[in-house]
Structure formats: C-alpha cells, structure tokens
N, C-alpha and C. Protein backbone atom coordinates (compact mmCIF):
# COMPACT_ATOMS: atom_id res chain seq x y z
N MET A 1 134.26 -73.53 176.90
CA MET A 1 134.43 -73.78 178.31
C MET A 1 135.48 -72.83 178.91
N PHE A 2 136.57 -72.65 178.17
CA PHE A 2 137.65 -71.78 178.64
C PHE A 2 137.15 -70.34 178.81
N LYS A 3 136.29 -69.88 177.89
CA LYS A 3 135.73 -68.53 177.96
C LYS A 3 134.87 -68.38 179.21
N CYS A 4 134.15 -69.40 179.54
CA CYS A 4 133.30 -69.36 180.74
C CYS A 4 134.15 -69.25 182.00
N ILE A 5 135.24 -69.99 182.04
CA ILE A 5 136.13 -69.96 183.20
C ILE A 5 136.74 -68.56 183.35
N LEU A 6 137.18 -67.97 182.23
CA LEU A 6 137.75 -66.62 182.27
C LEU A 6 136.72 -65.61 182.77
N LEU A 7 135.49 -65.76 182.29
CA LEU A 7 134.43 -64.85 182.72
C LEU A 7 134.19 -64.96 184.22
N VAL A 8 134.15 -66.17 184.73
CA VAL A 8 133.94 -66.38 186.16
C VAL A 8 135.11 -65.80 186.95
N LEU A 9 136.32 -65.98 186.46
CA LEU A 9 137.49 -65.44 187.17
C LEU A 9 137.44 -63.92 187.22
N PHE A 10 137.11 -63.28 186.10
CA PHE A 10 137.03 -61.82 186.06
C PHE A 10 135.97 -61.31 187.03
N VAL A 11 134.83 -61.96 187.04
CA VAL A 11 133.74 -61.55 187.92
C VAL A 11 134.12 -61.78 189.38
N SER A 12 134.70 -62.93 189.65
CA SER A 12 135.05 -63.25 191.04
C SER A 12 136.19 -62.37 191.57
N TRP A 13 137.11 -61.95 190.71
CA TRP A 13 138.19 -61.07 191.14
C TRP A 13 137.73 -59.63 191.26
N GLY A 14 136.52 -59.38 190.82
CA GLY A 14 135.98 -58.03 190.94
C GLY A 14 136.65 -57.04 190.02
N VAL A 15 136.78 -57.42 188.76
CA VAL A 15 137.39 -56.50 187.81
C VAL A 15 136.60 -55.20 187.85
N ASN A 16 137.31 -54.14 188.03
CA ASN A 16 136.69 -52.83 188.20
C ASN A 16 136.80 -52.06 186.89
N ILE A 17 135.73 -52.06 186.14
CA ILE A 17 135.70 -51.32 184.88
C ILE A 17 134.85 -50.08 185.12
N GLN A 18 135.51 -48.94 185.17
CA GLN A 18 134.81 -47.69 185.42
C GLN A 18 134.86 -46.83 184.17
N PRO A 19 133.84 -45.98 184.01
CA PRO A 19 133.91 -45.08 182.87
C PRO A 19 135.09 -44.12 183.03
N ARG A 20 135.66 -43.76 181.93
CA ARG A 20 136.80 -42.84 181.94
C ARG A 20 136.35 -41.47 182.41
N THR A 21 137.07 -40.90 183.35
CA THR A 21 136.73 -39.56 183.80
C THR A 21 137.55 -38.55 183.01
N VAL A 22 136.95 -37.41 182.75
CA VAL A 22 137.60 -36.36 181.98
C VAL A 22 138.31 -35.43 182.95
N PRO A 23 139.58 -35.11 182.70
CA PRO A 23 140.28 -34.16 183.57
C PRO A 23 139.55 -32.81 183.59
N ASN A 24 139.65 -32.11 184.69
CA ASN A 24 138.98 -30.81 184.82
C ASN A 24 139.31 -29.87 183.66
N CYS A 25 140.56 -29.86 183.24
CA CYS A 25 140.96 -28.95 182.17
C CYS A 25 140.25 -29.26 180.86
N ASP A 26 139.82 -30.50 180.64
CA ASP A 26 139.17 -30.88 179.39
C ASP A 26 137.64 -30.87 179.47
N GLN A 27 137.08 -30.44 180.59
CA GLN A 27 135.62 -30.37 180.73
C GLN A 27 135.01 -29.43 179.70
N ILE A 28 135.77 -28.51 179.20
CA ILE A 28 135.31 -27.53 178.22
C ILE A 28 135.12 -28.17 176.83
N CYS A 29 135.80 -29.28 176.57
CA CYS A 29 135.79 -29.89 175.24
C CYS A 29 134.43 -30.48 174.90
N GLY A 30 134.04 -30.32 173.65
CA GLY A 30 132.78 -30.87 173.19
C GLY A 30 132.02 -29.86 172.35
N LYS A 31 130.75 -30.20 172.09
CA LYS A 31 129.88 -29.33 171.27
C LYS A 31 128.97 -28.54 172.20
N TRP A 32 128.84 -27.25 171.90
CA TRP A 32 128.07 -26.33 172.74
C TRP A 32 127.15 -25.48 171.86
N MET A 33 125.87 -25.42 172.24
CA MET A 33 124.87 -24.62 171.52
C MET A 33 124.62 -23.33 172.30
N SER A 34 124.58 -22.21 171.58
CA SER A 34 124.31 -20.92 172.24
C SER A 34 122.90 -20.90 172.81
N SER A 35 122.69 -20.10 173.84
CA SER A 35 121.36 -20.00 174.46
C SER A 35 120.33 -19.48 173.47
N GLU A 36 120.76 -18.72 172.47
CA GLU A 36 119.85 -18.23 171.42
C GLU A 36 119.54 -19.31 170.38
N LYS A 37 120.23 -20.44 170.49
CA LYS A 37 120.09 -21.58 169.57
C LYS A 37 120.39 -21.20 168.11
N ASN A 38 121.33 -20.30 167.93
CA ASN A 38 121.70 -19.89 166.58
C ASN A 38 123.18 -20.15 166.25
N LEU A 39 123.90 -20.79 167.19
CA LEU A 39 125.32 -21.03 166.99
C LEU A 39 125.74 -22.30 167.72
N LEU A 40 126.42 -23.18 167.00
CA LEU A 40 126.96 -24.41 167.58
C LEU A 40 128.47 -24.40 167.36
N VAL A 41 129.22 -24.54 168.46
CA VAL A 41 130.67 -24.54 168.36
C VAL A 41 131.23 -25.86 168.88
N GLN A 42 132.39 -26.21 168.39
CA GLN A 42 133.13 -27.38 168.85
C GLN A 42 134.37 -26.85 169.56
N VAL A 43 134.50 -27.15 170.85
CA VAL A 43 135.67 -26.74 171.63
C VAL A 43 136.60 -27.94 171.71
N TYR A 44 137.88 -27.69 171.50
CA TYR A 44 138.84 -28.79 171.50
C TYR A 44 140.19 -28.34 172.05
N HIS A 45 140.96 -29.32 172.48
CA HIS A 45 142.31 -29.11 173.01
C HIS A 45 143.25 -29.03 171.83
N ASP A 46 144.00 -27.94 171.74
CA ASP A 46 144.91 -27.73 170.62
C ASP A 46 146.28 -28.34 170.93
N ALA A 47 147.09 -28.47 169.91
CA ALA A 47 148.41 -29.09 170.05
C ALA A 47 149.34 -28.31 170.98
N ASP A 48 149.13 -27.01 171.11
CA ASP A 48 150.02 -26.19 171.94
C ASP A 48 149.52 -26.09 173.39
N ASN A 49 148.70 -27.05 173.81
CA ASN A 49 148.17 -27.14 175.17
C ASN A 49 147.24 -25.98 175.53
N THR A 50 146.59 -25.44 174.52
CA THR A 50 145.55 -24.44 174.74
C THR A 50 144.25 -24.99 174.18
N TYR A 51 143.19 -24.21 174.31
CA TYR A 51 141.88 -24.64 173.83
C TYR A 51 141.37 -23.67 172.78
N ARG A 52 140.64 -24.23 171.81
CA ARG A 52 140.10 -23.45 170.69
C ARG A 52 138.64 -23.84 170.49
N ALA A 53 137.93 -23.02 169.75
CA ALA A 53 136.56 -23.36 169.34
C ALA A 53 136.37 -22.95 167.89
N LYS A 54 135.64 -23.78 167.17
CA LYS A 54 135.31 -23.45 165.78
C LYS A 54 133.81 -23.57 165.60
N ILE A 55 133.31 -22.83 164.62
CA ILE A 55 131.88 -22.85 164.31
C ILE A 55 131.57 -24.10 163.49
N ILE A 56 130.61 -24.91 163.96
CA ILE A 56 130.22 -26.09 163.18
C ILE A 56 128.78 -25.99 162.67
N TRP A 57 128.04 -25.00 163.13
CA TRP A 57 126.69 -24.74 162.63
C TRP A 57 126.27 -23.36 163.09
N PHE A 58 125.52 -22.66 162.28
CA PHE A 58 124.94 -21.39 162.69
C PHE A 58 123.69 -21.11 161.87
N ARG A 59 122.88 -20.23 162.40
CA ARG A 59 121.66 -19.82 161.68
C ARG A 59 121.65 -18.30 161.68
N ASP A 60 121.61 -17.75 160.50
CA ASP A 60 121.52 -16.30 160.35
C ASP A 60 120.37 -16.02 159.40
N ASP A 61 120.67 -15.65 158.20
CA ASP A 61 119.65 -15.40 157.19
C ASP A 61 119.36 -16.72 156.46
N PRO A 62 118.14 -17.28 156.63
CA PRO A 62 117.85 -18.59 156.01
C PRO A 62 117.85 -18.57 154.48
N SER A 63 117.82 -17.38 153.87
CA SER A 63 117.82 -17.33 152.41
C SER A 63 119.22 -17.59 151.83
N LYS A 64 120.23 -17.61 152.68
CA LYS A 64 121.60 -17.83 152.23
C LYS A 64 122.16 -19.06 152.96
N PRO A 65 122.59 -20.09 152.23
CA PRO A 65 123.14 -21.29 152.87
C PRO A 65 124.36 -20.99 153.73
N MET A 66 124.53 -21.76 154.81
CA MET A 66 125.66 -21.56 155.73
C MET A 66 127.00 -21.55 155.00
N GLY A 67 127.16 -22.45 154.05
CA GLY A 67 128.43 -22.58 153.36
C GLY A 67 128.81 -21.39 152.50
N GLU A 68 127.89 -20.47 152.29
CA GLU A 68 128.19 -19.30 151.45
C GLU A 68 128.61 -18.08 152.26
N TRP A 69 128.42 -18.10 153.56
CA TRP A 69 128.77 -16.96 154.40
C TRP A 69 130.28 -16.84 154.52
N CYS A 70 130.79 -15.64 154.32
CA CYS A 70 132.23 -15.38 154.43
C CYS A 70 132.50 -14.31 155.48
N ASP A 71 133.74 -14.22 155.87
CA ASP A 71 134.19 -13.30 156.91
C ASP A 71 134.40 -11.90 156.32
N THR A 72 133.36 -11.31 155.77
CA THR A 72 133.46 -10.05 155.02
C THR A 72 133.84 -8.84 155.86
N LYS A 73 133.66 -8.89 157.16
CA LYS A 73 133.97 -7.75 158.03
C LYS A 73 135.40 -7.81 158.58
N ASN A 74 136.15 -8.81 158.21
CA ASN A 74 137.50 -8.97 158.73
C ASN A 74 138.35 -7.76 158.33
N PRO A 75 139.13 -7.20 159.28
CA PRO A 75 139.98 -6.05 158.93
C PRO A 75 141.10 -6.41 157.96
N ASP A 76 141.43 -7.70 157.87
CA ASP A 76 142.47 -8.16 156.94
C ASP A 76 141.78 -8.55 155.63
N PRO A 77 141.96 -7.77 154.56
CA PRO A 77 141.29 -8.07 153.29
C PRO A 77 141.55 -9.47 152.76
N SER A 78 142.71 -10.04 153.07
CA SER A 78 143.03 -11.38 152.56
C SER A 78 142.18 -12.46 153.24
N LEU A 79 141.54 -12.15 154.37
CA LEU A 79 140.72 -13.12 155.09
C LEU A 79 139.22 -12.94 154.83
N ARG A 80 138.84 -11.99 154.06
CA ARG A 80 137.41 -11.70 153.86
C ARG A 80 136.69 -12.74 153.04
N THR A 81 137.41 -13.63 152.40
CA THR A 81 136.75 -14.68 151.61
C THR A 81 136.70 -16.01 152.35
N ARG A 82 137.26 -16.08 153.55
CA ARG A 82 137.23 -17.35 154.29
C ARG A 82 135.81 -17.62 154.79
N LYS A 83 135.46 -18.87 154.81
CA LYS A 83 134.12 -19.29 155.20
C LYS A 83 133.92 -19.17 156.71
N ILE A 84 132.72 -18.78 157.11
CA ILE A 84 132.36 -18.71 158.53
C ILE A 84 132.27 -20.13 159.10
N LEU A 85 131.62 -21.01 158.34
CA LEU A 85 131.47 -22.40 158.77
C LEU A 85 132.85 -23.06 158.85
N GLY A 86 133.20 -23.56 160.02
CA GLY A 86 134.50 -24.18 160.24
C GLY A 86 135.56 -23.21 160.73
N MET A 87 135.23 -21.93 160.80
CA MET A 87 136.20 -20.92 161.22
C MET A 87 136.46 -20.99 162.72
N SER A 88 137.71 -20.84 163.10
CA SER A 88 138.08 -20.78 164.51
C SER A 88 137.69 -19.41 165.05
N VAL A 89 136.92 -19.40 166.15
CA VAL A 89 136.46 -18.13 166.72
C VAL A 89 136.99 -17.89 168.13
N LEU A 90 137.56 -18.91 168.74
CA LEU A 90 138.08 -18.80 170.09
C LEU A 90 139.42 -19.52 170.11
N ARG A 91 140.45 -18.85 170.64
CA ARG A 91 141.79 -19.46 170.60
C ARG A 91 142.59 -19.07 171.83
N GLU A 92 143.66 -19.84 172.05
CA GLU A 92 144.67 -19.57 173.07
C GLU A 92 144.16 -19.57 174.51
N LEU A 93 143.04 -20.26 174.77
CA LEU A 93 142.57 -20.36 176.15
C LEU A 93 143.47 -21.30 176.93
N LYS A 94 143.83 -20.90 178.14
CA LYS A 94 144.67 -21.72 179.01
C LYS A 94 143.90 -22.02 180.29
N TYR A 95 143.96 -23.26 180.71
CA TYR A 95 143.23 -23.65 181.92
C TYR A 95 143.94 -23.14 183.16
N ASP A 96 143.18 -22.53 184.06
CA ASP A 96 143.68 -22.04 185.35
C ASP A 96 143.05 -22.90 186.43
N ALA A 97 143.81 -23.86 186.95
CA ALA A 97 143.28 -24.81 187.94
C ALA A 97 142.82 -24.11 189.22
N SER A 98 143.44 -23.02 189.58
CA SER A 98 143.08 -22.34 190.83
C SER A 98 141.68 -21.73 190.77
N SER A 99 141.25 -21.30 189.58
CA SER A 99 139.91 -20.71 189.44
C SER A 99 138.94 -21.65 188.74
N GLY A 100 139.45 -22.74 188.15
CA GLY A 100 138.59 -23.66 187.41
C GLY A 100 138.04 -23.02 186.14
N SER A 101 138.81 -22.09 185.58
CA SER A 101 138.36 -21.38 184.37
C SER A 101 139.46 -21.41 183.33
N TRP A 102 139.12 -21.01 182.14
CA TRP A 102 140.06 -20.93 181.03
C TRP A 102 140.26 -19.45 180.74
N GLU A 103 141.49 -19.01 180.73
CA GLU A 103 141.81 -17.58 180.68
C GLU A 103 142.76 -17.25 179.54
N ASP A 104 142.94 -15.95 179.35
CA ASP A 104 143.94 -15.38 178.44
C ASP A 104 143.73 -15.77 176.98
N GLY A 105 142.49 -16.01 176.59
CA GLY A 105 142.21 -16.35 175.21
C GLY A 105 141.79 -15.13 174.40
N MET A 106 141.48 -15.39 173.14
CA MET A 106 140.98 -14.35 172.24
C MET A 106 139.74 -14.91 171.54
N ILE A 107 138.74 -14.06 171.39
CA ILE A 107 137.51 -14.45 170.70
C ILE A 107 137.29 -13.49 169.54
N TYR A 108 136.86 -14.05 168.42
CA TYR A 108 136.63 -13.27 167.21
C TYR A 108 135.14 -13.18 166.94
N ASP A 109 134.66 -11.99 166.67
CA ASP A 109 133.25 -11.75 166.34
C ASP A 109 133.18 -11.44 164.85
N ALA A 110 132.73 -12.41 164.06
CA ALA A 110 132.68 -12.24 162.61
C ALA A 110 131.62 -11.23 162.17
N LYS A 111 130.65 -10.94 163.03
CA LYS A 111 129.61 -9.97 162.65
C LYS A 111 130.17 -8.56 162.50
N ASN A 112 131.24 -8.26 163.26
CA ASN A 112 131.82 -6.93 163.14
C ASN A 112 133.32 -6.94 162.86
N GLY A 113 133.91 -8.11 162.76
CA GLY A 113 135.33 -8.22 162.43
C GLY A 113 136.26 -7.84 163.56
N LYS A 114 135.78 -7.90 164.78
CA LYS A 114 136.60 -7.50 165.94
C LYS A 114 137.05 -8.73 166.73
N GLU A 115 138.20 -8.59 167.35
CA GLU A 115 138.73 -9.63 168.22
C GLU A 115 138.84 -9.06 169.63
N TRP A 116 138.47 -9.89 170.62
CA TRP A 116 138.43 -9.47 172.01
C TRP A 116 139.18 -10.46 172.88
N ASN A 117 139.59 -10.00 174.07
CA ASN A 117 140.11 -10.91 175.08
C ASN A 117 138.97 -11.84 175.48
N ALA A 118 139.31 -13.04 175.97
CA ALA A 118 138.25 -13.99 176.33
C ALA A 118 138.62 -14.80 177.56
N SER A 119 137.60 -15.10 178.35
CA SER A 119 137.72 -16.04 179.45
C SER A 119 136.46 -16.90 179.45
N VAL A 120 136.58 -18.11 179.98
CA VAL A 120 135.49 -19.08 179.92
C VAL A 120 135.43 -19.84 181.25
N TYR A 121 134.21 -20.15 181.68
CA TYR A 121 134.04 -21.04 182.82
C TYR A 121 132.75 -21.81 182.65
N ILE A 122 132.63 -22.91 183.38
CA ILE A 122 131.42 -23.72 183.39
C ILE A 122 130.77 -23.50 184.75
N ASN A 123 129.51 -23.03 184.74
CA ASN A 123 128.84 -22.74 186.02
C ASN A 123 128.28 -24.02 186.66
N LYS A 124 127.67 -23.87 187.82
CA LYS A 124 127.17 -25.03 188.57
C LYS A 124 126.08 -25.78 187.83
N GLU A 125 125.38 -25.11 186.92
CA GLU A 125 124.33 -25.77 186.13
C GLU A 125 124.90 -26.47 184.90
N GLY A 126 126.22 -26.38 184.72
CA GLY A 126 126.86 -27.04 183.58
C GLY A 126 126.83 -26.21 182.31
N LEU A 127 126.49 -24.93 182.41
CA LEU A 127 126.46 -24.05 181.25
C LEU A 127 127.83 -23.42 181.04
N LEU A 128 128.20 -23.28 179.79
CA LEU A 128 129.47 -22.66 179.43
C LEU A 128 129.25 -21.16 179.32
N LYS A 129 130.03 -20.39 180.04
CA LYS A 129 129.95 -18.94 180.02
C LYS A 129 131.20 -18.41 179.35
N VAL A 130 131.03 -17.74 178.23
CA VAL A 130 132.14 -17.20 177.46
C VAL A 130 132.07 -15.69 177.52
N LYS A 131 133.10 -15.07 178.08
CA LYS A 131 133.12 -13.63 178.22
C LYS A 131 134.14 -13.05 177.26
N GLY A 132 133.66 -12.18 176.39
CA GLY A 132 134.53 -11.40 175.52
C GLY A 132 134.63 -10.02 176.12
N TYR A 133 135.85 -9.50 176.24
CA TYR A 133 136.02 -8.20 176.90
C TYR A 133 137.19 -7.44 176.29
N TRP A 134 137.23 -6.16 176.59
CA TRP A 134 138.29 -5.30 176.10
C TRP A 134 139.20 -4.93 177.26
N HIS A 135 140.31 -5.62 177.40
CA HIS A 135 141.34 -5.41 178.42
C HIS A 135 140.89 -5.72 179.86
N PHE A 136 139.72 -5.26 180.27
CA PHE A 136 139.22 -5.47 181.62
C PHE A 136 137.88 -6.19 181.54
N LYS A 137 137.69 -7.20 182.37
CA LYS A 137 136.48 -8.02 182.30
C LYS A 137 135.20 -7.23 182.54
N ILE A 138 135.29 -6.10 183.23
CA ILE A 138 134.07 -5.33 183.46
C ILE A 138 133.55 -4.69 182.17
N PHE A 139 134.42 -4.58 181.16
CA PHE A 139 134.02 -4.02 179.87
C PHE A 139 133.83 -5.16 178.87
N GLY A 140 132.78 -5.95 179.06
CA GLY A 140 132.60 -7.08 178.18
C GLY A 140 131.18 -7.58 178.12
N ARG A 141 131.03 -8.68 177.40
CA ARG A 141 129.73 -9.32 177.20
C ARG A 141 129.91 -10.82 177.37
N THR A 142 128.94 -11.45 177.99
CA THR A 142 129.00 -12.90 178.23
C THR A 142 127.96 -13.62 177.39
N MET A 143 128.40 -14.68 176.73
CA MET A 143 127.51 -15.56 175.99
C MET A 143 127.38 -16.86 176.77
N THR A 144 126.20 -17.47 176.70
CA THR A 144 125.94 -18.73 177.41
C THR A 144 125.70 -19.84 176.40
N PHE A 145 126.29 -21.00 176.68
CA PHE A 145 126.16 -22.18 175.82
C PHE A 145 125.79 -23.38 176.66
N LYS A 146 125.04 -24.30 176.05
CA LYS A 146 124.66 -25.54 176.70
C LYS A 146 125.29 -26.70 175.92
N ARG A 147 125.81 -27.67 176.65
CA ARG A 147 126.43 -28.84 175.99
C ARG A 147 125.38 -29.63 175.23
N VAL A 148 125.72 -30.07 174.04
CA VAL A 148 124.81 -30.90 173.24
C VAL A 148 125.48 -32.23 172.91
C-alpha cells in the first residue's frame, strides 16, 4: 500500500525524469565505423581533458587475423611489435566551443608509419569528419565515420 501511495505522489508531483544529455564537447565519444566499413574506432575523453581514439576492429587482409597485425612501419623500431588492434591512433584533441570542433590533435597512420596534425567535427548529418593534415588544413585528407 505504501508503494502505491509513493507512486501516486511521484506521478502527481510530476517527477521529471529526462534522459541525460551529453555535453557538446563529448558528442565525439563513442564507436565510429569508417565509410569504407574497414575500420572501427572508439573515441573517448582522456584524463588530461583531451580526446583520443583507438582501433577496436579493422579489416585488411582476411588471411591474417586482426590480432597478429603489428605496427611494422613505425619509425621507432621499439614500437614495431605493438599490435594494431587496441592501438591509439588519434590523440590530444581539444574541444573548441566557438567552432564546435576538436582541434590541435595528432593522428597516426599505421599503414605508412606517419603522424599528422588532426582536427575533427561532426557534420549536420551526424557524420564524424576526421582531417589529417601537414601543418595547414589545405594539405590534408578527410576520413568520414558513422556512429554505430
């Protein structure tokens, strides 16, 4: 009986239970699949108030399991044995509220062992646009990801 009374009181007082909204800066967080459907990354908020992404799935040569791929093109010989799966590929992104984008990051391309400047934004269709560039954004390439 007491539970029924509490339920009626909550309903009559108009308890407002709304879904939690995600701050704009954290809209980037989550799992994103590349438009080529060959790469799945997890973007997350790091302890130093920046954003990172790590590889959680990829498809390259099906004759070799994902867990066997290593960072063989890395310019640092000590890192050439690290696994691609689980590797951080995007780091140090900082949210810029004035532009609604994440800037000043670095992106690593394991296919050639190069690291590039990076910026990220979410377009009106909800797609994640990741631009890797060399010093100036006009000298770069953009990858597109869809939230999964």
